[in-house]
């Protein structure tokens, strides 16, 4: 394999500007560059506008043009920060479990409403799982289809009460979203009728 030619290597820490094949101008600091895969990693200003955050963008060098060096970094990059491998492994395992749970719900024929409710509960209480089409929360509360507050069963106490409140709030929020969407649709229909 030939050595990188002029302009084919990006120094870590340099500031560059380039144009993507979608005519998007990217400006940022080079975080990583892999010559063999032609992948460039840029740290750019946050698209959210928050000053303490950054966007990290992977760019295939084959799909950019008009590359300009804004500031060339000549000093040696700082050493890489150490990674907490066990924390990353736990996060990956948790994400995998979540995806498997979603896949199970779909394959078991759980309704969309049931899947949405499960996700809502799981945001607050991580200890929830599927048992066929029922949601089991903290091994104490069972929510059966059609997944309303009345379908929450378990030993009377704070756990059951808390889960019922989450279920009630979930369906109130869904109803308010539907009401808002209907009113927006009606307003759009009125506007189009008036403009005709």
C-alpha atoms as a PDB file:
ATOM      1  CA  UNK A   1       0.000   0.000   0.000  1.00  0.00           C
ATOM      2  CA  UNK A   2       1.372   3.383  -0.955  1.00  0.00           C
ATOM      3  CA  UNK A   3       2.028   6.076   1.613  1.00  0.00           C
ATOM      4  CA  UNK A   4      -0.561   8.846   1.902  1.00  0.00           C
ATOM      5  CA  UNK A   5      -0.123  11.530  -0.726  1.00  0.00           C
ATOM      6  CA  UNK A   6      -0.268  15.281  -0.118  1.00  0.00           C
ATOM      7  CA  UNK A   7      -3.588  16.349   1.373  1.00  0.00           C
ATOM      8  CA  UNK A   8      -4.523  12.741   2.159  1.00  0.00           C
ATOM      9  CA  UNK A   9      -3.524  12.814   5.802  1.00  0.00           C
ATOM     10  CA  UNK A  10      -5.201  14.791   8.553  1.00  0.00           C
ATOM     11  CA  UNK A  11      -3.240  15.691  11.676  1.00  0.00           C
ATOM     12  CA  UNK A  12      -5.103  15.114  14.958  1.00  0.00           C
ATOM     13  CA  UNK A  13      -6.076  18.461  16.486  1.00  0.00           C
ATOM     14  CA  UNK A  14      -6.103  20.358  13.167  1.00  0.00           C
ATOM     15  CA  UNK A  15      -9.125  22.463  12.261  1.00  0.00           C
ATOM     16  CA  UNK A  16     -10.505  21.748   8.791  1.00  0.00           C
ATOM     17  CA  UNK A  17     -13.416  22.763   6.616  1.00  0.00           C
ATOM     18  CA  UNK A  18     -14.856  20.529   3.906  1.00  0.00           C
ATOM     19  CA  UNK A  19     -17.873  20.197   1.664  1.00  0.00           C
ATOM     20  CA  UNK A  20     -19.854  16.931   1.660  1.00  0.00           C
ATOM     21  CA  UNK A  21     -21.426  15.357  -1.420  1.00  0.00           C
ATOM     22  CA  UNK A  22     -24.742  16.692  -0.046  1.00  0.00           C
ATOM     23  CA  UNK A  23     -23.395  20.278  -0.229  1.00  0.00           C
ATOM     24  CA  UNK A  24     -23.138  20.501   3.559  1.00  0.00           C
ATOM     25  CA  UNK A  25     -20.192  22.524   4.866  1.00  0.00           C
ATOM     26  CA  UNK A  26     -18.498  20.843   7.837  1.00  0.00           C
ATOM     27  CA  UNK A  27     -16.004  22.670  10.019  1.00  0.00           C
ATOM     28  CA  UNK A  28     -14.340  21.005  12.935  1.00  0.00           C
ATOM     29  CA  UNK A  29     -11.367  19.599  14.749  1.00  0.00           C
ATOM     30  CA  UNK A  30      -9.843  16.346  13.519  1.00  0.00           C
ATOM     31  CA  UNK A  31     -10.296  13.767  16.266  1.00  0.00           C
ATOM     32  CA  UNK A  32      -9.244  10.696  14.288  1.00  0.00           C
ATOM     33  CA  UNK A  33      -8.306   9.684  10.767  1.00  0.00           C
ATOM     34  CA  UNK A  34      -7.943   6.152   9.405  1.00  0.00           C
ATOM     35  CA  UNK A  35      -6.124   6.138   6.100  1.00  0.00           C
ATOM     36  CA  UNK A  36      -7.056   2.572   5.097  1.00  0.00           C
ATOM     37  CA  UNK A  37     -10.810   2.999   5.546  1.00  0.00           C
ATOM     38  CA  UNK A  38     -10.624   6.688   4.514  1.00  0.00           C
ATOM     39  CA  UNK A  39     -12.712   7.642   7.561  1.00  0.00           C
ATOM     40  CA  UNK A  40     -12.306  11.018   9.213  1.00  0.00           C
ATOM     41  CA  UNK A  41     -13.790  11.894  12.619  1.00  0.00           C
ATOM     42  CA  UNK A  42     -14.554  15.568  13.223  1.00  0.00           C
ATOM     43  CA  UNK A  43     -15.561  17.299  16.452  1.00  0.00           C
ATOM     44  CA  UNK A  44     -17.872  20.132  15.394  1.00  0.00           C
ATOM     45  CA  UNK A  45     -19.904  22.772  17.193  1.00  0.00           C
ATOM     46  CA  UNK A  46     -23.093  21.356  18.673  1.00  0.00           C
ATOM     47  CA  UNK A  47     -26.133  21.403  16.402  1.00  0.00           C
ATOM     48  CA  UNK A  48     -28.212  21.992  19.554  1.00  0.00           C
ATOM     49  CA  UNK A  49     -26.426  25.301  20.087  1.00  0.00           C
ATOM     50  CA  UNK A  50     -25.297  24.355  23.598  1.00  0.00           C
ATOM     51  CA  UNK A  51     -21.736  25.620  24.110  1.00  0.00           C
ATOM     52  CA  UNK A  52     -20.644  22.755  26.392  1.00  0.00           C
ATOM     53  CA  UNK A  53     -21.563  20.052  23.844  1.00  0.00           C
ATOM     54  CA  UNK A  54     -20.109  18.940  20.505  1.00  0.00           C
ATOM     55  CA  UNK A  55     -21.272  16.892  17.547  1.00  0.00           C
ATOM     56  CA  UNK A  56     -18.922  14.094  16.521  1.00  0.00           C
ATOM     57  CA  UNK A  57     -19.248  13.311  12.826  1.00  0.00           C
ATOM     58  CA  UNK A  58     -17.767  10.409  10.870  1.00  0.00           C
ATOM     59  CA  UNK A  59     -16.974  11.353   7.293  1.00  0.00           C
ATOM     60  CA  UNK A  60     -15.899   9.138   4.405  1.00  0.00           C
ATOM     61  CA  UNK A  61     -13.109  11.128   2.750  1.00  0.00           C
ATOM     62  CA  UNK A  62     -14.173   9.776  -0.653  1.00  0.00           C
ATOM     63  CA  UNK A  63     -17.368  11.836  -0.368  1.00  0.00           C
ATOM     64  CA  UNK A  64     -15.971  15.243   0.546  1.00  0.00           C
ATOM     65  CA  UNK A  65     -14.440  17.986  -1.519  1.00  0.00           C
ATOM     66  CA  UNK A  66     -13.057  21.480  -1.109  1.00  0.00           C
ATOM     67  CA  UNK A  67     -10.999  20.483   1.941  1.00  0.00           C
ATOM     68  CA  UNK A  68      -9.382  23.506   3.557  1.00  0.00           C
ATOM     69  CA  UNK A  69      -6.971  23.598   6.459  1.00  0.00           C
ATOM     70  CA  UNK A  70      -8.264  26.272   8.858  1.00  0.00           C
ATOM     71  CA  UNK A  71      -5.567  25.668  11.479  1.00  0.00           C
ATOM     72  CA  UNK A  72      -2.804  23.085  11.168  1.00  0.00           C
ATOM     73  CA  UNK A  73      -1.862  21.427  14.438  1.00  0.00           C
ATOM     74  CA  UNK A  74       1.830  20.676  14.680  1.00  0.00           C
ATOM     75  CA  UNK A  75       2.186  19.531  18.282  1.00  0.00           C
ATOM     76  CA  UNK A  76       1.814  15.917  19.369  1.00  0.00           C
ATOM     77  CA  UNK A  77      -1.766  15.046  20.304  1.00  0.00           C
ATOM     78  CA  UNK A  78      -2.442  14.381  23.995  1.00  0.00           C
ATOM     79  CA  UNK A  79      -2.643  10.747  25.095  1.00  0.00           C
ATOM     80  CA  UNK A  80      -6.011   9.096  24.744  1.00  0.00           C
ATOM     81  CA  UNK A  81      -8.204   9.030  27.823  1.00  0.00           C
ATOM     82  CA  UNK A  82      -8.653   5.618  29.368  1.00  0.00           C
ATOM     83  CA  UNK A  83     -11.991   3.940  28.841  1.00  0.00           C
ATOM     84  CA  UNK A  84     -14.055   2.368  31.586  1.00  0.00           C
ATOM     85  CA  UNK A  85     -14.475  -0.966  29.811  1.00  0.00           C
ATOM     86  CA  UNK A  86     -16.752  -2.480  32.446  1.00  0.00           C
ATOM     87  CA  UNK A  87     -19.097   0.515  32.274  1.00  0.00           C
ATOM     88  CA  UNK A  88     -19.184   0.232  28.465  1.00  0.00           C
ATOM     89  CA  UNK A  89     -19.845  -3.518  28.697  1.00  0.00           C
ATOM     90  CA  UNK A  90     -22.698  -2.952  31.164  1.00  0.00           C
ATOM     91  CA  UNK A  91     -24.185  -0.300  28.889  1.00  0.00           C
ATOM     92  CA  UNK A  92     -23.927  -2.589  25.853  1.00  0.00           C
ATOM     93  CA  UNK A  93     -25.521  -5.471  27.787  1.00  0.00           C
ATOM     94  CA  UNK A  94     -28.359  -3.203  28.970  1.00  0.00           C
ATOM     95  CA  UNK A  95     -28.992  -1.921  25.429  1.00  0.00           C
ATOM     96  CA  UNK A  96     -28.976  -5.480  24.102  1.00  0.00           C
ATOM     97  CA  UNK A  97     -31.502  -6.566  26.748  1.00  0.00           C
ATOM     98  CA  UNK A  98     -33.747  -3.610  25.845  1.00  0.00           C
ATOM     99  CA  UNK A  99     -33.650  -4.492  22.141  1.00  0.00           C
ATOM    100  CA  UNK A 100     -34.317  -8.176  22.839  1.00  0.00           C
ATOM    101  CA  UNK A 101     -37.258  -7.172  25.028  1.00  0.00           C
ATOM    102  CA  UNK A 102     -38.676  -5.033  22.213  1.00  0.00           C
ATOM    103  CA  UNK A 103     -38.188  -7.868  19.734  1.00  0.00           C
ATOM    104  CA  UNK A 104     -39.904 -10.303  22.103  1.00  0.00           C
ATOM    105  CA  UNK A 105     -42.898  -7.989  22.489  1.00  0.00           C
ATOM    106  CA  UNK A 106     -43.272  -7.670  18.723  1.00  0.00           C
ATOM    107  CA  UNK A 107     -42.949 -11.423  18.138  1.00  0.00           C
ATOM    108  CA  UNK A 108     -45.457 -12.152  20.940  1.00  0.00           C
ATOM    109  CA  UNK A 109     -48.040  -9.966  19.208  1.00  0.00           C
ATOM    110  CA  UNK A 110     -48.150  -7.270  21.877  1.00  0.00           C
ATOM    111  CA  UNK A 111     -50.132  -4.211  20.773  1.00  0.00           C
ATOM    112  CA  UNK A 112     -48.360  -0.946  19.970  1.00  0.00           C
ATOM    113  CA  UNK A 113     -50.023   0.591  23.045  1.00  0.00           C
ATOM    114  CA  UNK A 114     -48.558  -2.163  25.223  1.00  0.00           C
ATOM    115  CA  UNK A 115     -45.089  -1.654  23.756  1.00  0.00           C
ATOM    116  CA  UNK A 116     -45.309   2.119  24.305  1.00  0.00           C
ATOM    117  CA  UNK A 117     -46.456   1.634  27.890  1.00  0.00           C
ATOM    118  CA  UNK A 118     -43.581  -0.774  28.537  1.00  0.00           C
ATOM    119  CA  UNK A 119     -41.107   1.825  27.254  1.00  0.00           C
ATOM    120  CA  UNK A 120     -42.661   4.519  29.451  1.00  0.00           C
ATOM    121  CA  UNK A 121     -42.490   2.343  32.561  1.00  0.00           C
ATOM    122  CA  UNK A 122     -38.954   1.190  31.725  1.00  0.00           C
ATOM    123  CA  UNK A 123     -37.733   4.809  31.680  1.00  0.00           C
ATOM    124  CA  UNK A 124     -38.736   5.132  35.345  1.00  0.00           C
ATOM    125  CA  UNK A 125     -38.427   1.564  36.622  1.00  0.00           C
ATOM    126  CA  UNK A 126     -35.691  -0.530  35.001  1.00  0.00           C
ATOM    127  CA  UNK A 127     -36.935  -3.706  36.680  1.00  0.00           C
ATOM    128  CA  UNK A 128     -39.671  -4.581  34.204  1.00  0.00           C
ATOM    129  CA  UNK A 129     -39.976  -7.433  31.737  1.00  0.00           C
ATOM    130  CA  UNK A 130     -42.418  -9.276  29.517  1.00  0.00           C
ATOM    131  CA  UNK A 131     -44.170 -12.489  30.472  1.00  0.00           C
ATOM    132  CA  UNK A 132     -46.018 -13.495  27.334  1.00  0.00           C
ATOM    133  CA  UNK A 133     -48.259 -10.443  26.726  1.00  0.00           C
ATOM    134  CA  UNK A 134     -48.178  -9.143  30.322  1.00  0.00           C
ATOM    135  CA  UNK A 135     -45.776  -6.573  31.723  1.00  0.00           C
ATOM    136  CA  UNK A 136     -44.148  -7.590  35.019  1.00  0.00           C
ATOM    137  CA  UNK A 137     -42.864  -4.660  37.101  1.00  0.00           C
ATOM    138  CA  UNK A 138     -40.474  -5.327  40.020  1.00  0.00           C
ATOM    139  CA  UNK A 139     -41.848  -8.888  40.201  1.00  0.00           C
ATOM    140  CA  UNK A 140     -44.748  -7.352  42.185  1.00  0.00           C
ATOM    141  CA  UNK A 141     -47.112  -5.824  39.633  1.00  0.00           C
ATOM    142  CA  UNK A 142     -48.619  -7.511  36.559  1.00  0.00           C
ATOM    143  CA  UNK A 143     -50.192  -5.380  33.817  1.00  0.00           C
ATOM    144  CA  UNK A 144     -52.346  -7.399  31.435  1.00  0.00           C
ATOM    145  CA  UNK A 145     -53.818  -6.326  28.093  1.00  0.00           C
ATOM    146  CA  UNK A 146     -55.371  -3.847  27.333  1.00  0.00           C
ATOM    147  CA  UNK A 147     -52.792  -2.270  29.691  1.00  0.00           C
ATOM    148  CA  UNK A 148     -55.023   0.247  31.499  1.00  0.00           C
ATOM    149  CA  UNK A 149     -54.681   1.216  35.180  1.00  0.00           C
ATOM    150  CA  UNK A 150     -57.512  -1.221  35.985  1.00  0.00           C
ATOM    151  CA  UNK A 151     -55.390  -4.025  34.499  1.00  0.00           C
ATOM    152  CA  UNK A 152     -52.620  -3.506  37.092  1.00  0.00           C
ATOM    153  CA  UNK A 153     -52.696  -6.383  39.588  1.00  0.00           C
ATOM    154  CA  UNK A 154     -50.515  -7.089  42.576  1.00  0.00           C
ATOM    155  CA  UNK A 155     -50.233  -6.798  46.319  1.00  0.00           C
ATOM    156  CA  UNK A 156     -51.808  -3.519  47.455  1.00  0.00           C
ATOM    157  CA  UNK A 157     -49.111  -1.077  48.432  1.00  0.00           C
ATOM    158  CA  UNK A 158     -46.806   1.630  47.201  1.00  0.00           C
ATOM    159  CA  UNK A 159     -45.456  -0.377  44.234  1.00  0.00           C
ATOM    160  CA  UNK A 160     -48.918  -1.054  42.800  1.00  0.00           C
ATOM    161  CA  UNK A 161     -50.008   2.536  43.444  1.00  0.00           C
ATOM    162  CA  UNK A 162     -46.867   3.931  41.790  1.00  0.00           C
ATOM    163  CA  UNK A 163     -47.239   1.740  38.695  1.00  0.00           C
ATOM    164  CA  UNK A 164     -50.923   2.684  38.362  1.00  0.00           C
ATOM    165  CA  UNK A 165     -49.967   6.378  38.459  1.00  0.00           C
ATOM    166  CA  UNK A 166     -47.390   5.827  35.702  1.00  0.00           C
ATOM    167  CA  UNK A 167     -49.987   3.990  33.580  1.00  0.00           C
ATOM    168  CA  UNK A 168     -52.624   6.695  34.121  1.00  0.00           C
ATOM    169  CA  UNK A 169     -50.150   9.480  33.257  1.00  0.00           C
ATOM    170  CA  UNK A 170     -48.984   7.595  30.156  1.00  0.00           C
ATOM    171  CA  UNK A 171     -52.523   7.366  28.772  1.00  0.00           C
ATOM    172  CA  UNK A 172     -53.337  10.988  29.739  1.00  0.00           C
ATOM    173  CA  UNK A 173     -50.244  12.140  27.868  1.00  0.00           C
ATOM    174  CA  UNK A 174     -51.175  10.016  24.828  1.00  0.00           C
ATOM    175  CA  UNK A 175     -54.685  11.447  24.816  1.00  0.00           C
ATOM    176  CA  UNK A 176     -53.422  15.031  25.035  1.00  0.00           C
ATOM    177  CA  UNK A 177     -51.029  14.346  22.133  1.00  0.00           C
ATOM    178  CA  UNK A 178     -53.876  12.962  20.033  1.00  0.00           C
ATOM    179  CA  UNK A 179     -56.059  15.971  20.886  1.00  0.00           C
ATOM    180  CA  UNK A 180     -53.265  18.340  19.887  1.00  0.00           C
ATOM    181  CA  UNK A 181     -52.680  16.480  16.607  1.00  0.00           C
ATOM    182  CA  UNK A 182     -56.394  16.558  15.790  1.00  0.00           C
ATOM    183  CA  UNK A 183     -56.607  20.297  16.430  1.00  0.00           C
ATOM    184  CA  UNK A 184     -53.510  20.909  14.287  1.00  0.00           C
ATOM    185  CA  UNK A 185     -54.995  18.795  11.487  1.00  0.00           C
ATOM    186  CA  UNK A 186     -58.285  20.701  11.705  1.00  0.00           C
ATOM    187  CA  UNK A 187     -56.421  24.027  11.632  1.00  0.00           C
ATOM    188  CA  UNK A 188     -54.418  22.916   8.593  1.00  0.00           C
ATOM    189  CA  UNK A 189     -57.635  21.836   6.871  1.00  0.00           C
ATOM    190  CA  UNK A 190     -59.270  25.213   7.648  1.00  0.00           C
ATOM    191  CA  UNK A 191     -56.218  27.079   6.355  1.00  0.00           C
ATOM    192  CA  UNK A 192     -56.181  25.093   3.101  1.00  0.00           C
ATOM    193  CA  UNK A 193     -59.931  25.631   2.642  1.00  0.00           C
ATOM    194  CA  UNK A 194     -59.555  29.384   3.157  1.00  0.00           C
ATOM    195  CA  UNK A 195     -56.644  29.629   0.718  1.00  0.00           C
ATOM    196  CA  UNK A 196     -58.564  27.756  -2.013  1.00  0.00           C
END
